[in-house]
Amino acid sequence: MKRSTLLTIAAVLAFAAFLLWSTLGGQKAECEVCVSFNGRSNCATASAPSEAEAARSAQNTACGVLAAGMAETINCGNAVPTRQQCRTT
């Protein structure tokens, strides 16, 4: 292989590693949240820089399957979770 090809491959791999590190490095908390809404239940997991953000994101994700339309999405997002378990990394 040419030297320029190897340098290009190395640069692309370095950039990909940097993106992975910067994306995952800020995730300090991970939460699993279960929600019951309209007679159905769903659980989801999310990670974020803080526990509150991770819990909110997990609840929004869980509600995505349960709610139809904006009003139901908001109501589901405001519902009290049936289970919430968080851990910091």
PDB file of N, CA and C in Angstrom:
ATOM      1  N   MET A   1       0.834  -1.180   0.000  1.00  0.00           N
ATOM      2  CA  MET A   1       0.000   0.000   0.000  1.00  0.00           C
ATOM      3  C   MET A   1       0.879   1.243   0.000  1.00  0.00           C
ATOM      4  N   LYS A   2       0.332   2.265  -0.605  1.00  0.00           N
ATOM      5  CA  LYS A   2       1.046   3.537  -0.619  1.00  0.00           C
ATOM      6  C   LYS A   2       1.027   4.162   0.770  1.00  0.00           C
ATOM      7  N   ARG A   3       2.007   4.995   1.000  1.00  0.00           N
ATOM      8  CA  ARG A   3       2.109   5.673   2.288  1.00  0.00           C
ATOM      9  C   ARG A   3       0.924   6.618   2.489  1.00  0.00           C
ATOM     10  N   SER A   4       0.485   7.297   1.444  1.00  0.00           N
ATOM     11  CA  SER A   4      -0.641   8.221   1.572  1.00  0.00           C
ATOM     12  C   SER A   4      -1.934   7.485   1.916  1.00  0.00           C
ATOM     13  N   THR A   5      -2.105   6.290   1.398  1.00  0.00           N
ATOM     14  CA  THR A   5      -3.284   5.488   1.711  1.00  0.00           C
ATOM     15  C   THR A   5      -3.271   5.079   3.180  1.00  0.00           C
ATOM     16  N   LEU A   6      -2.124   4.661   3.671  1.00  0.00           N
ATOM     17  CA  LEU A   6      -2.005   4.278   5.076  1.00  0.00           C
ATOM     18  C   LEU A   6      -2.254   5.476   5.993  1.00  0.00           C
ATOM     19  N   LEU A   7      -1.765   6.637   5.621  1.00  0.00           N
ATOM     20  CA  LEU A   7      -1.989   7.837   6.425  1.00  0.00           C
ATOM     21  C   LEU A   7      -3.472   8.220   6.431  1.00  0.00           C
ATOM     22  N   THR A   8      -4.123   8.070   5.306  1.00  0.00           N
ATOM     23  CA  THR A   8      -5.552   8.373   5.226  1.00  0.00           C
ATOM     24  C   THR A   8      -6.353   7.418   6.105  1.00  0.00           C
ATOM     25  N   ILE A   9      -6.035   6.143   6.040  1.00  0.00           N
ATOM     26  CA  ILE A   9      -6.717   5.149   6.869  1.00  0.00           C
ATOM     27  C   ILE A   9      -6.479   5.439   8.349  1.00  0.00           C
ATOM     28  N   ALA A  10      -5.247   5.779   8.705  1.00  0.00           N
ATOM     29  CA  ALA A  10      -4.924   6.101  10.098  1.00  0.00           C
ATOM     30  C   ALA A  10      -5.692   7.342  10.557  1.00  0.00           C
ATOM     31  N   ALA A  11      -5.806   8.346   9.702  1.00  0.00           N
ATOM     32  CA  ALA A  11      -6.530   9.564  10.061  1.00  0.00           C
ATOM     33  C   ALA A  11      -8.016   9.282  10.253  1.00  0.00           C
ATOM     34  N   VAL A  12      -8.600   8.466   9.392  1.00  0.00           N
ATOM     35  CA  VAL A  12     -10.016   8.124   9.515  1.00  0.00           C
ATOM     36  C   VAL A  12     -10.256   7.330  10.800  1.00  0.00           C
ATOM     37  N   LEU A  13      -9.404   6.387  11.110  1.00  0.00           N
ATOM     38  CA  LEU A  13      -9.549   5.607  12.341  1.00  0.00           C
ATOM     39  C   LEU A  13      -9.384   6.486  13.575  1.00  0.00           C
ATOM     40  N   ALA A  14      -8.439   7.415  13.540  1.00  0.00           N
ATOM     41  CA  ALA A  14      -8.242   8.326  14.664  1.00  0.00           C
ATOM     42  C   ALA A  14      -9.470   9.212  14.863  1.00  0.00           C
ATOM     43  N   PHE A  15     -10.044   9.697  13.780  1.00  0.00           N
ATOM     44  CA  PHE A  15     -11.234  10.532  13.861  1.00  0.00           C
ATOM     45  C   PHE A  15     -12.414   9.736  14.414  1.00  0.00           C
ATOM     46  N   ALA A  16     -12.583   8.510  13.960  1.00  0.00           N
ATOM     47  CA  ALA A  16     -13.662   7.660  14.458  1.00  0.00           C
ATOM     48  C   ALA A  16     -13.495   7.379  15.955  1.00  0.00           C
ATOM     49  N   ALA A  17     -12.270   7.128  16.382  1.00  0.00           N
ATOM     50  CA  ALA A  17     -11.996   6.891  17.799  1.00  0.00           C
ATOM     51  C   ALA A  17     -12.306   8.137  18.620  1.00  0.00           C
ATOM     52  N   PHE A  18     -11.950   9.309  18.091  1.00  0.00           N
ATOM     53  CA  PHE A  18     -12.250  10.560  18.791  1.00  0.00           C
ATOM     54  C   PHE A  18     -13.757  10.771  18.919  1.00  0.00           C
ATOM     55  N   LEU A  19     -14.511  10.507  17.862  1.00  0.00           N
ATOM     56  CA  LEU A  19     -15.966  10.655  17.921  1.00  0.00           C
ATOM     57  C   LEU A  19     -16.572   9.713  18.955  1.00  0.00           C
ATOM     58  N   LEU A  20     -16.129   8.485  18.976  1.00  0.00           N
ATOM     59  CA  LEU A  20     -16.628   7.516  19.945  1.00  0.00           C
ATOM     60  C   LEU A  20     -16.304   7.963  21.365  1.00  0.00           C
ATOM     61  N   TRP A  21     -15.087   8.401  21.595  1.00  0.00           N
ATOM     62  CA  TRP A  21     -14.666   8.853  22.922  1.00  0.00           C
ATOM     63  C   TRP A  21     -15.459  10.076  23.363  1.00  0.00           C
ATOM     64  N   SER A  22     -15.617  11.051  22.485  1.00  0.00           N
ATOM     65  CA  SER A  22     -16.324  12.277  22.867  1.00  0.00           C
ATOM     66  C   SER A  22     -17.810  12.031  23.073  1.00  0.00           C
ATOM     67  N   THR A  23     -18.391  11.098  22.353  1.00  0.00           N
ATOM     68  CA  THR A  23     -19.809  10.788  22.512  1.00  0.00           C
ATOM     69  C   THR A  23     -20.063  10.032  23.806  1.00  0.00           C
ATOM     70  N   LEU A  24     -19.277   9.024  24.072  1.00  0.00           N
ATOM     71  CA  LEU A  24     -19.505   8.185  25.239  1.00  0.00           C
ATOM     72  C   LEU A  24     -18.857   8.712  26.503  1.00  0.00           C
ATOM     73  N   GLY A  25     -17.866   9.563  26.369  1.00  0.00           N
ATOM     74  CA  GLY A  25     -17.154  10.077  27.532  1.00  0.00           C
ATOM     75  C   GLY A  25     -18.001  10.961  28.424  1.00  0.00           C
ATOM     76  N   GLY A  26     -18.990  11.636  27.875  1.00  0.00           N
ATOM     77  CA  GLY A  26     -19.826  12.526  28.657  1.00  0.00           C
ATOM     78  C   GLY A  26     -20.990  11.838  29.333  1.00  0.00           C
ATOM     79  N   GLN A  27     -21.180  10.568  29.092  1.00  0.00           N
ATOM     80  CA  GLN A  27     -22.303   9.834  29.656  1.00  0.00           C
ATOM     81  C   GLN A  27     -21.917   9.314  31.033  1.00  0.00           C
ATOM     82  N   LYS A  28     -22.323  10.029  32.065  1.00  0.00           N
ATOM     83  CA  LYS A  28     -21.936   9.676  33.431  1.00  0.00           C
ATOM     84  C   LYS A  28     -22.992   8.876  34.182  1.00  0.00           C
ATOM     85  N   ALA A  29     -24.230   8.894  33.712  1.00  0.00           N
ATOM     86  CA  ALA A  29     -25.317   8.183  34.394  1.00  0.00           C
ATOM     87  C   ALA A  29     -26.106   7.367  33.378  1.00  0.00           C
ATOM     88  N   GLU A  30     -26.617   6.242  33.844  1.00  0.00           N
ATOM     89  CA  GLU A  30     -27.451   5.386  33.008  1.00  0.00           C
ATOM     90  C   GLU A  30     -28.681   4.993  33.812  1.00  0.00           C
ATOM     91  N   CYS A  31     -29.853   5.140  33.219  1.00  0.00           N
ATOM     92  CA  CYS A  31     -31.111   4.821  33.906  1.00  0.00           C
ATOM     93  C   CYS A  31     -31.963   3.896  33.053  1.00  0.00           C
ATOM     94  N   GLU A  32     -32.637   2.990  33.740  1.00  0.00           N
ATOM     95  CA  GLU A  32     -33.671   2.181  33.110  1.00  0.00           C
ATOM     96  C   GLU A  32     -34.988   2.611  33.737  1.00  0.00           C
ATOM     97  N   VAL A  33     -35.944   2.971  32.904  1.00  0.00           N
ATOM     98  CA  VAL A  33     -37.237   3.460  33.377  1.00  0.00           C
ATOM     99  C   VAL A  33     -38.340   2.634  32.732  1.00  0.00           C
ATOM    100  N   CYS A  34     -39.296   2.219  33.543  1.00  0.00           N
ATOM    101  CA  CYS A  34     -40.476   1.512  33.043  1.00  0.00           C
ATOM    102  C   CYS A  34     -41.696   2.394  33.282  1.00  0.00           C
ATOM    103  N   VAL A  35     -42.566   2.461  32.274  1.00  0.00           N
ATOM    104  CA  VAL A  35     -43.747   3.321  32.332  1.00  0.00           C
ATOM    105  C   VAL A  35     -44.969   2.506  31.938  1.00  0.00           C
ATOM    106  N   SER A  36     -46.069   2.716  32.657  1.00  0.00           N
ATOM    107  CA  SER A  36     -47.370   2.156  32.275  1.00  0.00           C
ATOM    108  C   SER A  36     -48.240   3.318  31.822  1.00  0.00           C
ATOM    109  N   PHE A  37     -48.834   3.168  30.631  1.00  0.00           N
ATOM    110  CA  PHE A  37     -49.663   4.234  30.076  1.00  0.00           C
ATOM    111  C   PHE A  37     -50.700   3.619  29.154  1.00  0.00           C
ATOM    112  N   ASN A  38     -51.945   4.021  29.325  1.00  0.00           N
ATOM    113  CA  ASN A  38     -53.056   3.505  28.511  1.00  0.00           C
ATOM    114  C   ASN A  38     -53.144   1.979  28.537  1.00  0.00           C
ATOM    115  N   GLY A  39     -52.880   1.387  29.702  1.00  0.00           N
ATOM    116  CA  GLY A  39     -53.004  -0.056  29.850  1.00  0.00           C
ATOM    117  C   GLY A  39     -51.840  -0.871  29.303  1.00  0.00           C
ATOM    118  N   ARG A  40     -50.808  -0.205  28.824  1.00  0.00           N
ATOM    119  CA  ARG A  40     -49.624  -0.913  28.298  1.00  0.00           C
ATOM    120  C   ARG A  40     -48.392  -0.458  29.055  1.00  0.00           C
ATOM    121  N   SER A  41     -47.365  -1.287  29.044  1.00  0.00           N
ATOM    122  CA  SER A  41     -46.116  -0.965  29.733  1.00  0.00           C
ATOM    123  C   SER A  41     -44.939  -1.116  28.793  1.00  0.00           C
ATOM    124  N   ASN A  42     -43.897  -0.339  29.050  1.00  0.00           N
ATOM    125  CA  ASN A  42     -42.664  -0.435  28.276  1.00  0.00           C
ATOM    126  C   ASN A  42     -41.516   0.070  29.135  1.00  0.00           C
ATOM    127  N   CYS A  43     -40.348  -0.490  28.917  1.00  0.00           N
ATOM    128  CA  CYS A  43     -39.138  -0.064  29.616  1.00  0.00           C
ATOM    129  C   CYS A  43     -38.099   0.372  28.588  1.00  0.00           C
ATOM    130  N   ALA A  44     -37.247   1.304  28.993  1.00  0.00           N
ATOM    131  CA  ALA A  44     -36.170   1.776  28.126  1.00  0.00           C
ATOM    132  C   ALA A  44     -34.986   2.194  28.989  1.00  0.00           C
ATOM    133  N   THR A  45     -33.811   2.168  28.389  1.00  0.00           N
ATOM    134  CA  THR A  45     -32.577   2.569  29.051  1.00  0.00           C
ATOM    135  C   THR A  45     -31.954   3.712  28.279  1.00  0.00           C
ATOM    136  N   ALA A  46     -31.373   4.660  29.012  1.00  0.00           N
ATOM    137  CA  ALA A  46     -30.692   5.793  28.381  1.00  0.00           C
ATOM    138  C   ALA A  46     -29.525   6.227  29.257  1.00  0.00           C
ATOM    139  N   SER A  47     -28.550   6.864  28.641  1.00  0.00           N
ATOM    140  CA  SER A  47     -27.424   7.422  29.386  1.00  0.00           C
ATOM    141  C   SER A  47     -27.292   8.896  29.044  1.00  0.00           C
ATOM    142  N   ALA A  48     -26.782   9.657  30.005  1.00  0.00           N
ATOM    143  CA  ALA A  48     -26.635  11.102  29.847  1.00  0.00           C
ATOM    144  C   ALA A  48     -25.620  11.608  30.866  1.00  0.00           C
ATOM    145  N   PRO A  49     -25.257  12.881  30.767  1.00  0.00           N
ATOM    146  CA  PRO A  49     -24.301  13.436  31.733  1.00  0.00           C
ATOM    147  C   PRO A  49     -24.813  13.444  33.178  1.00  0.00           C
ATOM    148  N   SER A  50     -26.121  13.565  33.385  1.00  0.00           N
ATOM    149  CA  SER A  50     -26.655  13.562  34.750  1.00  0.00           C
ATOM    150  C   SER A  50     -27.753  12.500  34.871  1.00  0.00           C
ATOM    151  N   GLU A  51     -28.028  12.125  36.127  1.00  0.00           N
ATOM    152  CA  GLU A  51     -29.043  11.108  36.379  1.00  0.00           C
ATOM    153  C   GLU A  51     -30.430  11.602  35.963  1.00  0.00           C
ATOM    154  N   ALA A  52     -30.730  12.860  36.217  1.00  0.00           N
ATOM    155  CA  ALA A  52     -32.038  13.412  35.854  1.00  0.00           C
ATOM    156  C   ALA A  52     -32.245  13.394  34.340  1.00  0.00           C
ATOM    157  N   GLU A  53     -31.215  13.767  33.593  1.00  0.00           N
ATOM    158  CA  GLU A  53     -31.317  13.751  32.126  1.00  0.00           C
ATOM    159  C   GLU A  53     -31.456  12.330  31.600  1.00  0.00           C
ATOM    160  N   ALA A  54     -30.726  11.391  32.183  1.00  0.00           N
ATOM    161  CA  ALA A  54     -30.809   9.997  31.744  1.00  0.00           C
ATOM    162  C   ALA A  54     -32.202   9.432  32.019  1.00  0.00           C
ATOM    163  N   ALA A  55     -32.771   9.746  33.194  1.00  0.00           N
ATOM    164  CA  ALA A  55     -34.106   9.256  33.535  1.00  0.00           C
ATOM    165  C   ALA A  55     -35.149   9.849  32.593  1.00  0.00           C
ATOM    166  N   ARG A  56     -35.043  11.131  32.318  1.00  0.00           N
ATOM    167  CA  ARG A  56     -36.004  11.795  31.430  1.00  0.00           C
ATOM    168  C   ARG A  56     -35.911  11.209  30.008  1.00  0.00           C
ATOM    169  N   SER A  57     -34.698  11.001  29.542  1.00  0.00           N
ATOM    170  CA  SER A  57     -34.504  10.451  28.202  1.00  0.00           C
ATOM    171  C   SER A  57     -35.039   9.024  28.108  1.00  0.00           C
ATOM    172  N   ALA A  58     -34.798   8.222  29.142  1.00  0.00           N
ATOM    173  CA  ALA A  58     -35.303   6.848  29.153  1.00  0.00           C
ATOM    174  C   ALA A  58     -36.827   6.833  29.173  1.00  0.00           C
ATOM    175  N   GLN A  59     -37.442   7.743  29.943  1.00  0.00           N
ATOM    176  CA  GLN A  59     -38.901   7.791  29.990  1.00  0.00           C
ATOM    177  C   GLN A  59     -39.463   8.228  28.640  1.00  0.00           C
ATOM    178  N   ASN A  60     -38.846   9.209  28.020  1.00  0.00           N
ATOM    179  CA  ASN A  60     -39.305   9.639  26.691  1.00  0.00           C
ATOM    180  C   ASN A  60     -39.210   8.506  25.676  1.00  0.00           C
ATOM    181  N   THR A  61     -38.138   7.732  25.757  1.00  0.00           N
ATOM    182  CA  THR A  61     -37.958   6.610  24.845  1.00  0.00           C
ATOM    183  C   THR A  61     -39.016   5.530  25.101  1.00  0.00           C
ATOM    184  N   ALA A  62     -39.263   5.231  26.375  1.00  0.00           N
ATOM    185  CA  ALA A  62     -40.284   4.235  26.715  1.00  0.00           C
ATOM    186  C   ALA A  62     -41.663   4.693  26.251  1.00  0.00           C
ATOM    187  N   CYS A  63     -41.931   5.980  26.371  1.00  0.00           N
ATOM    188  CA  CYS A  63     -43.238   6.510  25.963  1.00  0.00           C
ATOM    189  C   CYS A  63     -43.411   6.531  24.449  1.00  0.00           C
ATOM    190  N   GLY A  64     -42.345   6.514  23.715  1.00  0.00           N
ATOM    191  CA  GLY A  64     -42.432   6.544  22.262  1.00  0.00           C
ATOM    192  C   GLY A  64     -43.241   5.395  21.694  1.00  0.00           C
ATOM    193  N   VAL A  65     -43.207   4.260  22.351  1.00  0.00           N
ATOM    194  CA  VAL A  65     -43.947   3.079  21.905  1.00  0.00           C
ATOM    195  C   VAL A  65     -45.391   3.110  22.416  1.00  0.00           C
ATOM    196  N   LEU A  66     -45.601   3.759  23.549  1.00  0.00           N
ATOM    197  CA  LEU A  66     -46.903   3.710  24.214  1.00  0.00           C
ATOM    198  C   LEU A  66     -47.859   4.813  23.796  1.00  0.00           C
ATOM    199  N   ALA A  67     -47.336   5.938  23.370  1.00  0.00           N
ATOM    200  CA  ALA A  67     -48.172   7.108  23.108  1.00  0.00           C
ATOM    201  C   ALA A  67     -48.341   7.347  21.616  1.00  0.00           C
ATOM    202  N   ALA A  68     -49.509   7.879  21.262  1.00  0.00           N
ATOM    203  CA  ALA A  68     -49.783   8.247  19.876  1.00  0.00           C
ATOM    204  C   ALA A  68     -50.207   9.713  19.868  1.00  0.00           C
ATOM    205  N   GLY A  69     -49.458  10.540  19.208  1.00  0.00           N
ATOM    206  CA  GLY A  69     -49.790  11.952  19.149  1.00  0.00           C
ATOM    207  C   GLY A  69     -49.094  12.752  20.230  1.00  0.00           C
ATOM    208  N   MET A  70     -49.112  14.063  20.055  1.00  0.00           N
ATOM    209  CA  MET A  70     -48.390  14.949  20.961  1.00  0.00           C
ATOM    210  C   MET A  70     -48.989  14.966  22.360  1.00  0.00           C
ATOM    211  N   ALA A  71     -50.309  15.023  22.476  1.00  0.00           N
ATOM    212  CA  ALA A  71     -50.941  15.090  23.793  1.00  0.00           C
ATOM    213  C   ALA A  71     -50.632  13.840  24.621  1.00  0.00           C
ATOM    214  N   GLU A  72     -50.738  12.665  24.014  1.00  0.00           N
ATOM    215  CA  GLU A  72     -50.425  11.430  24.737  1.00  0.00           C
ATOM    216  C   GLU A  72     -48.943  11.357  25.084  1.00  0.00           C
ATOM    217  N   THR A  73     -48.085  11.828  24.198  1.00  0.00           N
ATOM    218  CA  THR A  73     -46.645  11.820  24.474  1.00  0.00           C
ATOM    219  C   THR A  73     -46.332  12.678  25.688  1.00  0.00           C
ATOM    220  N   ILE A  74     -46.948  13.845  25.764  1.00  0.00           N
ATOM    221  CA  ILE A  74     -46.728  14.730  26.918  1.00  0.00           C
ATOM    222  C   ILE A  74     -47.277  14.095  28.195  1.00  0.00           C
ATOM    223  N   ASN A  75     -48.484  13.536  28.119  1.00  0.00           N
ATOM    224  CA  ASN A  75     -49.082  12.891  29.297  1.00  0.00           C
ATOM    225  C   ASN A  75     -48.251  11.697  29.765  1.00  0.00           C
ATOM    226  N   CYS A  76     -47.778  10.902  28.843  1.00  0.00           N
ATOM    227  CA  CYS A  76     -46.950   9.752  29.199  1.00  0.00           C
ATOM    228  C   CYS A  76     -45.629  10.220  29.817  1.00  0.00           C
ATOM    229  N   GLY A  77     -45.052  11.268  29.242  1.00  0.00           N
ATOM    230  CA  GLY A  77     -43.800  11.807  29.778  1.00  0.00           C
ATOM    231  C   GLY A  77     -43.941  12.357  31.180  1.00  0.00           C
ATOM    232  N   ASN A  78     -45.152  12.788  31.538  1.00  0.00           N
ATOM    233  CA  ASN A  78     -45.407  13.318  32.881  1.00  0.00           C
ATOM    234  C   ASN A  78     -45.886  12.257  33.857  1.00  0.00           C
ATOM    235  N   ALA A  79     -46.134  11.044  33.377  1.00  0.00           N
ATOM    236  CA  ALA A  79     -46.592   9.961  34.254  1.00  0.00           C
ATOM    237  C   ALA A  79     -45.466   9.534  35.194  1.00  0.00           C
ATOM    238  N   VAL A  80     -45.863   9.065  36.365  1.00  0.00           N
ATOM    239  CA  VAL A  80     -44.886   8.555  37.332  1.00  0.00           C
ATOM    240  C   VAL A  80     -44.415   7.182  36.852  1.00  0.00           C
ATOM    241  N   PRO A  81     -43.099   6.974  36.719  1.00  0.00           N
ATOM    242  CA  PRO A  81     -42.594   5.672  36.264  1.00  0.00           C
ATOM    243  C   PRO A  81     -42.967   4.556  37.243  1.00  0.00           C
ATOM    244  N   THR A  82     -43.236   3.377  36.714  1.00  0.00           N
ATOM    245  CA  THR A  82     -43.510   2.234  37.572  1.00  0.00           C
ATOM    246  C   THR A  82     -42.218   1.675  38.163  1.00  0.00           C
ATOM    247  N   ARG A  83     -41.113   1.905  37.471  1.00  0.00           N
ATOM    248  CA  ARG A  83     -39.809   1.481  37.975  1.00  0.00           C
ATOM    249  C   ARG A  83     -38.757   2.398  37.389  1.00  0.00           C
ATOM    250  N   GLN A  84     -37.802   2.780  38.223  1.00  0.00           N
ATOM    251  CA  GLN A  84     -36.677   3.603  37.756  1.00  0.00           C
ATOM    252  C   GLN A  84     -35.435   3.157  38.509  1.00  0.00           C
ATOM    253  N   GLN A  85     -34.444   2.768  37.755  1.00  0.00           N
ATOM    254  CA  GLN A  85     -33.183   2.321  38.353  1.00  0.00           C
ATOM    255  C   GLN A  85     -32.040   3.017  37.638  1.00  0.00           C
ATOM    256  N   CYS A  86     -31.258   3.787  38.377  1.00  0.00           N
ATOM    257  CA  CYS A  86     -30.152   4.537  37.798  1.00  0.00           C
ATOM    258  C   CYS A  86     -28.834   4.137  38.443  1.00  0.00           C
ATOM    259  N   ARG A  87     -27.778   4.296  37.673  1.00  0.00           N
ATOM    260  CA  ARG A  87     -26.433   4.079  38.207  1.00  0.00           C
ATOM    261  C   ARG A  87     -25.487   5.074  37.531  1.00  0.00           C
ATOM    262  N   THR A  88     -24.488   5.474  38.255  1.00  0.00           N
ATOM    263  CA  THR A  88     -23.494   6.388  37.693  1.00  0.00           C
ATOM    264  C   THR A  88     -22.264   5.589  37.304  1.00  0.00           C
ATOM    265  N   THR A  89     -21.620   6.047  36.238  1.00  0.00           N
ATOM    266  CA  THR A  89     -20.434   5.346  35.753  1.00  0.00           C
ATOM    267  C   THR A  89     -19.187   6.134  36.017  1.00  0.00           C
TER     268      THR A  89
END
